[in-house]
């Protein structure tokens, strides 16, 4: 029995040494040889994060100026660190905007796509579905929007439709929604985001999340944070197309806090920013090894 234990122990030690040799680099500091773990994060992300840290952290400004200068500073870092070429993100057009997505370079069991706020337009989702089909991937689509007319039949062509809004908390409230081509205020049922992902969908990994939820996004910024509620629930998402709606003074403060925390935590990158009254951006989760391995070589 002791010999068997020793044999297993020896095999385990050999395996650990092989893993360490593969996952570490030798570096020299003050004449001493040290070992550090390799980061799976791409080098361009580290360079980009250093750029946005200079733009957004090493300054003193108010929330109004921060909001107004965000697009220009963010795009400058995109350009200076050449993220467009590094990301290989493809543009996907719908009726009034361009969304982005990175196609996978590795196969996984599923490719999960969620649309929160369909807006009676799935042309970008359909374009994405075709791109994925061309590389042999079948996508599982889920979409939620409280306006049934113009959304139910449309989204059901590609996936499963849910007739409610998804936000920070469950409840019943007034919301701005798109109906018959114009935005109106009407009472809608809300399902909380965490319950929706964990209990309704039962998905632990979301590869693509497109969120246009008419101001509900302000209450869900913590889904991006380390040790936030999604992380505590064991749920990961890789890519997000996010629209941050035209904010009040208080919401601009929230936005500034949100961006600064993303930069400080170095988990998510935000790219392709555009200010159209609302702030549009695309984000990628560089903290998840699953996401980085799936979408980057």
C-alpha atoms as a PDB file:
ATOM      1  CA  UNK A   1       0.000   0.000   0.000  1.00  0.00           C
ATOM      2  CA  UNK A   2       2.874   2.345   0.888  1.00  0.00           C
ATOM      3  CA  UNK A   3       4.522   1.637  -2.457  1.00  0.00           C
ATOM      4  CA  UNK A   4       1.297   2.475  -4.296  1.00  0.00           C
ATOM      5  CA  UNK A   5       0.982   5.728  -2.358  1.00  0.00           C
ATOM      6  CA  UNK A   6       4.593   6.659  -3.115  1.00  0.00           C
ATOM      7  CA  UNK A   7       4.073   5.883  -6.792  1.00  0.00           C
ATOM      8  CA  UNK A   8       0.945   8.080  -6.981  1.00  0.00           C
ATOM      9  CA  UNK A   9       2.749  10.845  -5.094  1.00  0.00           C
ATOM     10  CA  UNK A  10       5.703  10.686  -7.503  1.00  0.00           C
ATOM     11  CA  UNK A  11       3.436  10.833 -10.566  1.00  0.00           C
ATOM     12  CA  UNK A  12       1.565  13.817  -9.076  1.00  0.00           C
ATOM     13  CA  UNK A  13       4.802  15.689  -8.399  1.00  0.00           C
ATOM     14  CA  UNK A  14       6.047  15.063 -11.947  1.00  0.00           C
ATOM     15  CA  UNK A  15       2.768  16.325 -13.375  1.00  0.00           C
ATOM     16  CA  UNK A  16       2.927  19.456 -11.204  1.00  0.00           C
ATOM     17  CA  UNK A  17       6.482  20.177 -12.374  1.00  0.00           C
ATOM     18  CA  UNK A  18       5.457  19.831 -16.035  1.00  0.00           C
ATOM     19  CA  UNK A  19       2.527  22.211 -15.505  1.00  0.00           C
ATOM     20  CA  UNK A  20       4.758  24.755 -13.763  1.00  0.00           C
ATOM     21  CA  UNK A  21       7.337  24.619 -16.537  1.00  0.00           C
ATOM     22  CA  UNK A  22       4.588  25.220 -19.077  1.00  0.00           C
ATOM     23  CA  UNK A  23       2.775  27.938 -17.131  1.00  0.00           C
ATOM     24  CA  UNK A  24       5.718  29.948 -15.760  1.00  0.00           C
ATOM     25  CA  UNK A  25       8.509  32.202 -16.966  1.00  0.00           C
ATOM     26  CA  UNK A  26      11.936  32.709 -15.429  1.00  0.00           C
ATOM     27  CA  UNK A  27      12.739  36.346 -14.752  1.00  0.00           C
ATOM     28  CA  UNK A  28      15.854  37.950 -13.271  1.00  0.00           C
ATOM     29  CA  UNK A  29      15.577  40.705 -10.684  1.00  0.00           C
ATOM     30  CA  UNK A  30      18.500  42.121  -8.677  1.00  0.00           C
ATOM     31  CA  UNK A  31      20.680  39.283  -9.845  1.00  0.00           C
ATOM     32  CA  UNK A  32      18.245  36.624  -8.606  1.00  0.00           C
ATOM     33  CA  UNK A  33      16.290  34.188 -10.764  1.00  0.00           C
ATOM     34  CA  UNK A  34      12.594  34.233  -9.944  1.00  0.00           C
ATOM     35  CA  UNK A  35       9.591  32.366 -11.297  1.00  0.00           C
ATOM     36  CA  UNK A  36       6.280  34.002 -12.120  1.00  0.00           C
ATOM     37  CA  UNK A  37       3.081  32.533 -13.507  1.00  0.00           C
ATOM     38  CA  UNK A  38       2.349  33.250 -17.152  1.00  0.00           C
ATOM     39  CA  UNK A  39      -0.729  35.414 -17.678  1.00  0.00           C
ATOM     40  CA  UNK A  40      -3.256  34.059 -20.140  1.00  0.00           C
ATOM     41  CA  UNK A  41      -4.338  37.646 -20.840  1.00  0.00           C
ATOM     42  CA  UNK A  42      -3.204  38.912 -24.268  1.00  0.00           C
ATOM     43  CA  UNK A  43      -0.368  41.419 -24.284  1.00  0.00           C
ATOM     44  CA  UNK A  44      -2.406  44.009 -26.164  1.00  0.00           C
ATOM     45  CA  UNK A  45      -4.923  44.092 -23.307  1.00  0.00           C
ATOM     46  CA  UNK A  46      -2.197  44.957 -20.804  1.00  0.00           C
ATOM     47  CA  UNK A  47      -1.035  47.773 -23.103  1.00  0.00           C
ATOM     48  CA  UNK A  48      -4.604  48.995 -23.613  1.00  0.00           C
ATOM     49  CA  UNK A  49      -5.291  48.941 -19.870  1.00  0.00           C
ATOM     50  CA  UNK A  50      -2.176  51.036 -19.204  1.00  0.00           C
ATOM     51  CA  UNK A  51      -3.459  53.568 -21.731  1.00  0.00           C
ATOM     52  CA  UNK A  52      -6.950  53.891 -20.228  1.00  0.00           C
ATOM     53  CA  UNK A  53      -5.450  54.054 -16.726  1.00  0.00           C
ATOM     54  CA  UNK A  54      -3.581  57.191 -17.792  1.00  0.00           C
ATOM     55  CA  UNK A  55      -6.697  58.629 -19.429  1.00  0.00           C
ATOM     56  CA  UNK A  56      -9.236  57.879 -16.704  1.00  0.00           C
ATOM     57  CA  UNK A  57      -7.428  57.279 -13.405  1.00  0.00           C
ATOM     58  CA  UNK A  58      -4.543  59.734 -13.429  1.00  0.00           C
ATOM     59  CA  UNK A  59      -6.841  62.752 -13.688  1.00  0.00           C
ATOM     60  CA  UNK A  60      -9.124  64.862 -11.541  1.00  0.00           C
ATOM     61  CA  UNK A  61     -12.415  65.656 -13.244  1.00  0.00           C
ATOM     62  CA  UNK A  62     -16.142  65.875 -12.589  1.00  0.00           C
ATOM     63  CA  UNK A  63     -18.693  63.348 -13.829  1.00  0.00           C
ATOM     64  CA  UNK A  64     -20.042  65.659 -16.548  1.00  0.00           C
ATOM     65  CA  UNK A  65     -16.632  66.151 -18.154  1.00  0.00           C
ATOM     66  CA  UNK A  66     -15.841  62.471 -17.703  1.00  0.00           C
ATOM     67  CA  UNK A  67     -18.977  61.494 -19.656  1.00  0.00           C
ATOM     68  CA  UNK A  68     -18.366  64.023 -22.425  1.00  0.00           C
ATOM     69  CA  UNK A  69     -14.709  63.055 -22.928  1.00  0.00           C
ATOM     70  CA  UNK A  70     -15.156  59.299 -22.541  1.00  0.00           C
ATOM     71  CA  UNK A  71     -15.673  58.407 -26.202  1.00  0.00           C
ATOM     72  CA  UNK A  72     -12.657  60.376 -27.436  1.00  0.00           C
ATOM     73  CA  UNK A  73     -10.262  59.075 -24.783  1.00  0.00           C
ATOM     74  CA  UNK A  74     -11.472  55.501 -25.119  1.00  0.00           C
ATOM     75  CA  UNK A  75     -11.127  55.526 -28.896  1.00  0.00           C
ATOM     76  CA  UNK A  76      -7.642  57.039 -28.635  1.00  0.00           C
ATOM     77  CA  UNK A  77      -6.532  54.030 -26.591  1.00  0.00           C
ATOM     78  CA  UNK A  78      -8.202  51.673 -29.089  1.00  0.00           C
ATOM     79  CA  UNK A  79      -6.178  53.297 -31.870  1.00  0.00           C
ATOM     80  CA  UNK A  80      -2.869  53.682 -30.011  1.00  0.00           C
ATOM     81  CA  UNK A  81      -2.794  50.014 -28.943  1.00  0.00           C
ATOM     82  CA  UNK A  82      -4.153  48.669 -32.247  1.00  0.00           C
ATOM     83  CA  UNK A  83      -6.943  46.719 -30.570  1.00  0.00           C
ATOM     84  CA  UNK A  84      -9.047  46.515 -33.744  1.00  0.00           C
ATOM     85  CA  UNK A  85      -6.499  44.224 -35.373  1.00  0.00           C
ATOM     86  CA  UNK A  86      -5.839  42.262 -32.183  1.00  0.00           C
ATOM     87  CA  UNK A  87      -9.504  41.659 -31.358  1.00  0.00           C
ATOM     88  CA  UNK A  88     -10.617  40.506 -34.832  1.00  0.00           C
ATOM     89  CA  UNK A  89     -14.114  41.666 -33.909  1.00  0.00           C
ATOM     90  CA  UNK A  90     -16.624  41.639 -36.748  1.00  0.00           C
ATOM     91  CA  UNK A  91     -19.184  44.465 -37.147  1.00  0.00           C
ATOM     92  CA  UNK A  92     -22.846  43.445 -37.175  1.00  0.00           C
ATOM     93  CA  UNK A  93     -25.408  46.000 -38.323  1.00  0.00           C
ATOM     94  CA  UNK A  94     -29.000  46.420 -37.296  1.00  0.00           C
ATOM     95  CA  UNK A  95     -31.334  49.240 -38.261  1.00  0.00           C
ATOM     96  CA  UNK A  96     -29.684  52.031 -36.241  1.00  0.00           C
ATOM     97  CA  UNK A  97     -26.317  50.869 -34.895  1.00  0.00           C
ATOM     98  CA  UNK A  98     -23.342  48.567 -35.266  1.00  0.00           C
ATOM     99  CA  UNK A  99     -22.655  45.839 -32.737  1.00  0.00           C
ATOM    100  CA  UNK A 100     -19.514  43.696 -32.498  1.00  0.00           C
ATOM    101  CA  UNK A 101     -18.590  40.087 -31.818  1.00  0.00           C
ATOM    102  CA  UNK A 102     -15.494  37.905 -31.820  1.00  0.00           C
ATOM    103  CA  UNK A 103     -15.961  34.481 -33.360  1.00  0.00           C
ATOM    104  CA  UNK A 104     -14.531  31.520 -31.430  1.00  0.00           C
ATOM    105  CA  UNK A 105     -11.218  29.902 -32.340  1.00  0.00           C
ATOM    106  CA  UNK A 106     -11.913  26.847 -30.153  1.00  0.00           C
ATOM    107  CA  UNK A 107     -14.961  24.623 -29.948  1.00  0.00           C
ATOM    108  CA  UNK A 108     -16.922  24.282 -26.700  1.00  0.00           C
ATOM    109  CA  UNK A 109     -20.083  22.375 -25.845  1.00  0.00           C
ATOM    110  CA  UNK A 110     -22.356  25.371 -26.512  1.00  0.00           C
ATOM    111  CA  UNK A 111     -22.380  28.900 -27.871  1.00  0.00           C
ATOM    112  CA  UNK A 112     -24.893  30.882 -25.800  1.00  0.00           C
ATOM    113  CA  UNK A 113     -26.259  34.250 -26.945  1.00  0.00           C
ATOM    114  CA  UNK A 114     -28.625  36.468 -24.917  1.00  0.00           C
ATOM    115  CA  UNK A 115     -30.438  39.610 -26.106  1.00  0.00           C
ATOM    116  CA  UNK A 116     -31.905  41.820 -23.362  1.00  0.00           C
ATOM    117  CA  UNK A 117     -34.036  44.406 -25.131  1.00  0.00           C
ATOM    118  CA  UNK A 118     -34.845  43.133 -28.617  1.00  0.00           C
ATOM    119  CA  UNK A 119     -36.351  46.360 -29.947  1.00  0.00           C
ATOM    120  CA  UNK A 120     -38.194  44.636 -32.823  1.00  0.00           C
ATOM    121  CA  UNK A 121     -34.935  44.177 -34.720  1.00  0.00           C
ATOM    122  CA  UNK A 122     -32.812  41.035 -34.941  1.00  0.00           C
ATOM    123  CA  UNK A 123     -30.888  41.785 -38.129  1.00  0.00           C
ATOM    124  CA  UNK A 124     -27.572  41.856 -36.235  1.00  0.00           C
ATOM    125  CA  UNK A 125     -28.392  38.565 -34.489  1.00  0.00           C
ATOM    126  CA  UNK A 126     -29.284  36.951 -37.821  1.00  0.00           C
ATOM    127  CA  UNK A 127     -26.034  38.218 -39.363  1.00  0.00           C
ATOM    128  CA  UNK A 128     -24.136  36.760 -36.404  1.00  0.00           C
ATOM    129  CA  UNK A 129     -25.972  33.433 -36.715  1.00  0.00           C
ATOM    130  CA  UNK A 130     -24.866  33.206 -40.362  1.00  0.00           C
ATOM    131  CA  UNK A 131     -21.258  33.958 -39.454  1.00  0.00           C
ATOM    132  CA  UNK A 132     -21.295  31.216 -36.831  1.00  0.00           C
ATOM    133  CA  UNK A 133     -23.000  28.775 -39.183  1.00  0.00           C
ATOM    134  CA  UNK A 134     -20.226  29.385 -41.709  1.00  0.00           C
ATOM    135  CA  UNK A 135     -17.651  28.081 -39.207  1.00  0.00           C
ATOM    136  CA  UNK A 136     -19.800  25.124 -38.147  1.00  0.00           C
ATOM    137  CA  UNK A 137     -21.310  26.492 -34.906  1.00  0.00           C
ATOM    138  CA  UNK A 138     -24.963  26.339 -33.872  1.00  0.00           C
ATOM    139  CA  UNK A 139     -25.901  29.114 -31.456  1.00  0.00           C
ATOM    140  CA  UNK A 140     -28.421  28.888 -28.597  1.00  0.00           C
ATOM    141  CA  UNK A 141     -30.344  32.192 -28.578  1.00  0.00           C
ATOM    142  CA  UNK A 142     -32.408  33.657 -25.722  1.00  0.00           C
ATOM    143  CA  UNK A 143     -34.169  37.021 -25.973  1.00  0.00           C
ATOM    144  CA  UNK A 144     -36.249  39.076 -23.537  1.00  0.00           C
ATOM    145  CA  UNK A 145     -38.393  42.141 -24.180  1.00  0.00           C
ATOM    146  CA  UNK A 146     -41.627  43.229 -22.458  1.00  0.00           C
ATOM    147  CA  UNK A 147     -43.274  44.246 -25.767  1.00  0.00           C
ATOM    148  CA  UNK A 148     -44.706  41.049 -27.229  1.00  0.00           C
ATOM    149  CA  UNK A 149     -45.915  42.585 -30.491  1.00  0.00           C
ATOM    150  CA  UNK A 150     -43.100  42.693 -33.010  1.00  0.00           C
ATOM    151  CA  UNK A 151     -40.703  40.758 -30.797  1.00  0.00           C
ATOM    152  CA  UNK A 152     -42.251  37.370 -29.991  1.00  0.00           C
ATOM    153  CA  UNK A 153     -42.658  36.018 -33.521  1.00  0.00           C
ATOM    154  CA  UNK A 154     -39.475  37.730 -34.705  1.00  0.00           C
ATOM    155  CA  UNK A 155     -37.085  36.383 -32.050  1.00  0.00           C
ATOM    156  CA  UNK A 156     -38.702  32.954 -32.042  1.00  0.00           C
ATOM    157  CA  UNK A 157     -37.284  32.505 -35.557  1.00  0.00           C
ATOM    158  CA  UNK A 158     -33.798  32.167 -34.068  1.00  0.00           C
ATOM    159  CA  UNK A 159     -34.325  31.201 -30.425  1.00  0.00           C
ATOM    160  CA  UNK A 160     -36.456  31.328 -27.284  1.00  0.00           C
ATOM    161  CA  UNK A 161     -38.363  34.521 -26.488  1.00  0.00           C
ATOM    162  CA  UNK A 162     -39.328  35.765 -22.991  1.00  0.00           C
ATOM    163  CA  UNK A 163     -42.076  38.436 -22.644  1.00  0.00           C
ATOM    164  CA  UNK A 164     -40.654  40.530 -19.807  1.00  0.00           C
ATOM    165  CA  UNK A 165     -37.936  43.044 -18.987  1.00  0.00           C
ATOM    166  CA  UNK A 166     -34.745  41.920 -17.252  1.00  0.00           C
ATOM    167  CA  UNK A 167     -33.019  44.223 -14.777  1.00  0.00           C
ATOM    168  CA  UNK A 168     -31.546  44.641 -11.332  1.00  0.00           C
ATOM    169  CA  UNK A 169     -34.670  43.704  -9.357  1.00  0.00           C
ATOM    170  CA  UNK A 170     -37.890  41.795  -9.905  1.00  0.00           C
ATOM    171  CA  UNK A 171     -41.055  43.865  -9.797  1.00  0.00           C
ATOM    172  CA  UNK A 172     -43.536  45.994 -11.678  1.00  0.00           C
ATOM    173  CA  UNK A 173     -42.694  49.518 -12.798  1.00  0.00           C
ATOM    174  CA  UNK A 174     -42.902  52.119 -15.544  1.00  0.00           C
ATOM    175  CA  UNK A 175     -40.278  51.771 -18.254  1.00  0.00           C
ATOM    176  CA  UNK A 176     -39.365  53.363 -21.576  1.00  0.00           C
ATOM    177  CA  UNK A 177     -39.947  50.774 -24.296  1.00  0.00           C
ATOM    178  CA  UNK A 178     -40.027  50.719 -28.084  1.00  0.00           C
ATOM    179  CA  UNK A 179     -43.537  50.194 -29.453  1.00  0.00           C
ATOM    180  CA  UNK A 180     -44.588  50.722 -33.089  1.00  0.00           C
ATOM    181  CA  UNK A 181     -41.421  52.607 -33.916  1.00  0.00           C
ATOM    182  CA  UNK A 182     -41.393  55.053 -30.996  1.00  0.00           C
ATOM    183  CA  UNK A 183     -40.463  55.006 -27.320  1.00  0.00           C
ATOM    184  CA  UNK A 184     -43.310  55.208 -24.855  1.00  0.00           C
ATOM    185  CA  UNK A 185     -43.582  54.908 -21.086  1.00  0.00           C
ATOM    186  CA  UNK A 186     -45.637  51.945 -19.962  1.00  0.00           C
ATOM    187  CA  UNK A 187     -45.907  49.527 -17.015  1.00  0.00           C
ATOM    188  CA  UNK A 188     -43.821  46.380 -17.432  1.00  0.00           C
ATOM    189  CA  UNK A 189     -42.940  43.287 -15.421  1.00  0.00           C
ATOM    190  CA  UNK A 190     -39.261  42.984 -14.486  1.00  0.00           C
ATOM    191  CA  UNK A 191     -37.407  39.757 -13.721  1.00  0.00           C
ATOM    192  CA  UNK A 192     -34.120  40.172 -11.902  1.00  0.00           C
ATOM    193  CA  UNK A 193     -31.062  39.430 -14.012  1.00  0.00           C
ATOM    194  CA  UNK A 194     -29.507  36.934 -11.626  1.00  0.00           C
ATOM    195  CA  UNK A 195     -32.669  34.831 -11.316  1.00  0.00           C
ATOM    196  CA  UNK A 196     -33.145  34.955 -15.079  1.00  0.00           C
ATOM    197  CA  UNK A 197     -29.660  33.637 -15.838  1.00  0.00           C
ATOM    198  CA  UNK A 198     -29.420  31.070 -13.065  1.00  0.00           C
ATOM    199  CA  UNK A 199     -32.959  29.760 -12.625  1.00  0.00           C
ATOM    200  CA  UNK A 200     -34.826  30.513 -15.861  1.00  0.00           C
ATOM    201  CA  UNK A 201     -32.051  29.806 -18.355  1.00  0.00           C
ATOM    202  CA  UNK A 202     -29.815  27.647 -16.182  1.00  0.00           C
ATOM    203  CA  UNK A 203     -26.754  28.785 -18.101  1.00  0.00           C
ATOM    204  CA  UNK A 204     -23.414  29.063 -16.307  1.00  0.00           C
ATOM    205  CA  UNK A 205     -21.498  30.509 -19.250  1.00  0.00           C
ATOM    206  CA  UNK A 206     -22.835  33.174 -21.596  1.00  0.00           C
ATOM    207  CA  UNK A 207     -20.625  33.720 -24.619  1.00  0.00           C
ATOM    208  CA  UNK A 208     -22.479  36.756 -25.997  1.00  0.00           C
ATOM    209  CA  UNK A 209     -24.705  39.197 -24.088  1.00  0.00           C
ATOM    210  CA  UNK A 210     -26.323  42.172 -25.826  1.00  0.00           C
ATOM    211  CA  UNK A 211     -27.920  44.540 -23.339  1.00  0.00           C
ATOM    212  CA  UNK A 212     -30.134  47.487 -24.277  1.00  0.00           C
ATOM    213  CA  UNK A 213     -32.459  47.616 -21.316  1.00  0.00           C
ATOM    214  CA  UNK A 214     -33.532  51.288 -21.190  1.00  0.00           C
ATOM    215  CA  UNK A 215     -31.760  52.525 -18.031  1.00  0.00           C
ATOM    216  CA  UNK A 216     -31.870  49.202 -16.148  1.00  0.00           C
ATOM    217  CA  UNK A 217     -28.147  48.844 -16.876  1.00  0.00           C
ATOM    218  CA  UNK A 218     -27.242  51.291 -14.098  1.00  0.00           C
ATOM    219  CA  UNK A 219     -28.430  48.836 -11.479  1.00  0.00           C
ATOM    220  CA  UNK A 220     -26.467  45.928 -12.964  1.00  0.00           C
ATOM    221  CA  UNK A 221     -22.956  47.395 -13.280  1.00  0.00           C
ATOM    222  CA  UNK A 222     -21.770  45.013 -10.561  1.00  0.00           C
ATOM    223  CA  UNK A 223     -22.011  42.068 -12.976  1.00  0.00           C
ATOM    224  CA  UNK A 224     -18.624  43.250 -14.262  1.00  0.00           C
ATOM    225  CA  UNK A 225     -16.942  43.489 -10.866  1.00  0.00           C
ATOM    226  CA  UNK A 226     -14.639  41.012  -9.165  1.00  0.00           C
ATOM    227  CA  UNK A 227     -16.558  39.154  -6.466  1.00  0.00           C
ATOM    228  CA  UNK A 228     -19.784  40.637  -7.812  1.00  0.00           C
ATOM    229  CA  UNK A 229     -23.057  38.771  -7.627  1.00  0.00           C
ATOM    230  CA  UNK A 230     -22.624  36.939 -10.948  1.00  0.00           C
ATOM    231  CA  UNK A 231     -19.198  35.701  -9.912  1.00  0.00           C
ATOM    232  CA  UNK A 232     -20.617  34.567  -6.577  1.00  0.00           C
ATOM    233  CA  UNK A 233     -23.276  32.596  -8.464  1.00  0.00           C
ATOM    234  CA  UNK A 234     -20.604  30.966 -10.624  1.00  0.00           C
ATOM    235  CA  UNK A 235     -21.858  32.618 -13.842  1.00  0.00           C
ATOM    236  CA  UNK A 236     -19.453  33.911 -16.476  1.00  0.00           C
ATOM    237  CA  UNK A 237     -20.065  35.990 -19.573  1.00  0.00           C
ATOM    238  CA  UNK A 238     -17.438  36.671 -22.224  1.00  0.00           C
ATOM    239  CA  UNK A 239     -18.611  39.430 -24.558  1.00  0.00           C
ATOM    240  CA  UNK A 240     -21.164  42.174 -24.072  1.00  0.00           C
ATOM    241  CA  UNK A 241     -22.637  44.874 -26.270  1.00  0.00           C
ATOM    242  CA  UNK A 242     -23.805  47.497 -23.774  1.00  0.00           C
ATOM    243  CA  UNK A 243     -25.833  50.674 -24.156  1.00  0.00           C
ATOM    244  CA  UNK A 244     -25.645  53.125 -21.242  1.00  0.00           C
ATOM    245  CA  UNK A 245     -28.595  55.451 -21.625  1.00  0.00           C
ATOM    246  CA  UNK A 246     -28.482  59.250 -21.476  1.00  0.00           C
ATOM    247  CA  UNK A 247     -27.830  59.767 -17.782  1.00  0.00           C
ATOM    248  CA  UNK A 248     -28.907  62.134 -15.054  1.00  0.00           C
ATOM    249  CA  UNK A 249     -26.227  63.866 -12.959  1.00  0.00           C
ATOM    250  CA  UNK A 250     -26.336  61.018 -10.435  1.00  0.00           C
ATOM    251  CA  UNK A 251     -26.110  58.388 -13.186  1.00  0.00           C
ATOM    252  CA  UNK A 252     -23.070  60.133 -14.674  1.00  0.00           C
ATOM    253  CA  UNK A 253     -21.413  59.696 -11.282  1.00  0.00           C
ATOM    254  CA  UNK A 254     -22.336  56.003 -11.424  1.00  0.00           C
ATOM    255  CA  UNK A 255     -20.873  55.738 -14.921  1.00  0.00           C
ATOM    256  CA  UNK A 256     -17.594  57.343 -13.871  1.00  0.00           C
ATOM    257  CA  UNK A 257     -17.314  55.009 -10.878  1.00  0.00           C
ATOM    258  CA  UNK A 258     -18.113  52.036 -13.126  1.00  0.00           C
ATOM    259  CA  UNK A 259     -15.442  52.831 -15.739  1.00  0.00           C
ATOM    260  CA  UNK A 260     -12.767  53.592 -13.154  1.00  0.00           C
ATOM    261  CA  UNK A 261     -13.429  50.317 -11.372  1.00  0.00           C
ATOM    262  CA  UNK A 262     -13.190  48.356 -14.633  1.00  0.00           C
ATOM    263  CA  UNK A 263      -9.808  49.954 -15.317  1.00  0.00           C
ATOM    264  CA  UNK A 264      -8.561  49.317 -11.775  1.00  0.00           C
ATOM    265  CA  UNK A 265      -9.669  45.679 -11.671  1.00  0.00           C
ATOM    266  CA  UNK A 266      -8.203  44.872 -15.115  1.00  0.00           C
ATOM    267  CA  UNK A 267     -10.846  42.232 -15.814  1.00  0.00           C
ATOM    268  CA  UNK A 268     -12.888  43.756 -18.656  1.00  0.00           C
ATOM    269  CA  UNK A 269     -11.854  45.838 -21.618  1.00  0.00           C
ATOM    270  CA  UNK A 270     -14.278  48.304 -23.209  1.00  0.00           C
ATOM    271  CA  UNK A 271     -13.877  49.110 -26.896  1.00  0.00           C
ATOM    272  CA  UNK A 272     -15.562  50.743 -29.926  1.00  0.00           C
ATOM    273  CA  UNK A 273     -17.167  53.412 -27.719  1.00  0.00           C
ATOM    274  CA  UNK A 274     -19.702  55.735 -29.326  1.00  0.00           C
ATOM    275  CA  UNK A 275     -21.684  58.623 -27.852  1.00  0.00           C
ATOM    276  CA  UNK A 276     -25.064  59.067 -29.538  1.00  0.00           C
ATOM    277  CA  UNK A 277     -26.685  60.676 -26.505  1.00  0.00           C
ATOM    278  CA  UNK A 278     -26.477  57.186 -25.062  1.00  0.00           C
ATOM    279  CA  UNK A 279     -23.030  55.624 -24.656  1.00  0.00           C
ATOM    280  CA  UNK A 280     -22.485  52.456 -26.635  1.00  0.00           C
ATOM    281  CA  UNK A 281     -19.557  50.142 -26.039  1.00  0.00           C
ATOM    282  CA  UNK A 282     -18.454  46.542 -26.442  1.00  0.00           C
ATOM    283  CA  UNK A 283     -16.757  44.702 -23.583  1.00  0.00           C
ATOM    284  CA  UNK A 284     -14.698  41.532 -23.263  1.00  0.00           C
ATOM    285  CA  UNK A 285     -13.943  39.481 -20.147  1.00  0.00           C
ATOM    286  CA  UNK A 286     -10.148  39.040 -19.982  1.00  0.00           C
ATOM    287  CA  UNK A 287     -10.345  37.719 -16.427  1.00  0.00           C
ATOM    288  CA  UNK A 288     -11.919  34.454 -17.597  1.00  0.00           C
ATOM    289  CA  UNK A 289      -9.434  31.906 -18.910  1.00  0.00           C
ATOM    290  CA  UNK A 290     -12.356  30.122 -20.587  1.00  0.00           C
ATOM    291  CA  UNK A 291     -13.220  33.287 -22.556  1.00  0.00           C
ATOM    292  CA  UNK A 292      -9.638  34.118 -23.513  1.00  0.00           C
ATOM    293  CA  UNK A 293      -8.852  30.547 -24.613  1.00  0.00           C
ATOM    294  CA  UNK A 294     -12.091  30.256 -26.578  1.00  0.00           C
ATOM    295  CA  UNK A 295     -11.781  33.513 -28.507  1.00  0.00           C
ATOM    296  CA  UNK A 296      -8.015  34.094 -28.776  1.00  0.00           C
ATOM    297  CA  UNK A 297      -5.133  31.843 -29.835  1.00  0.00           C
END
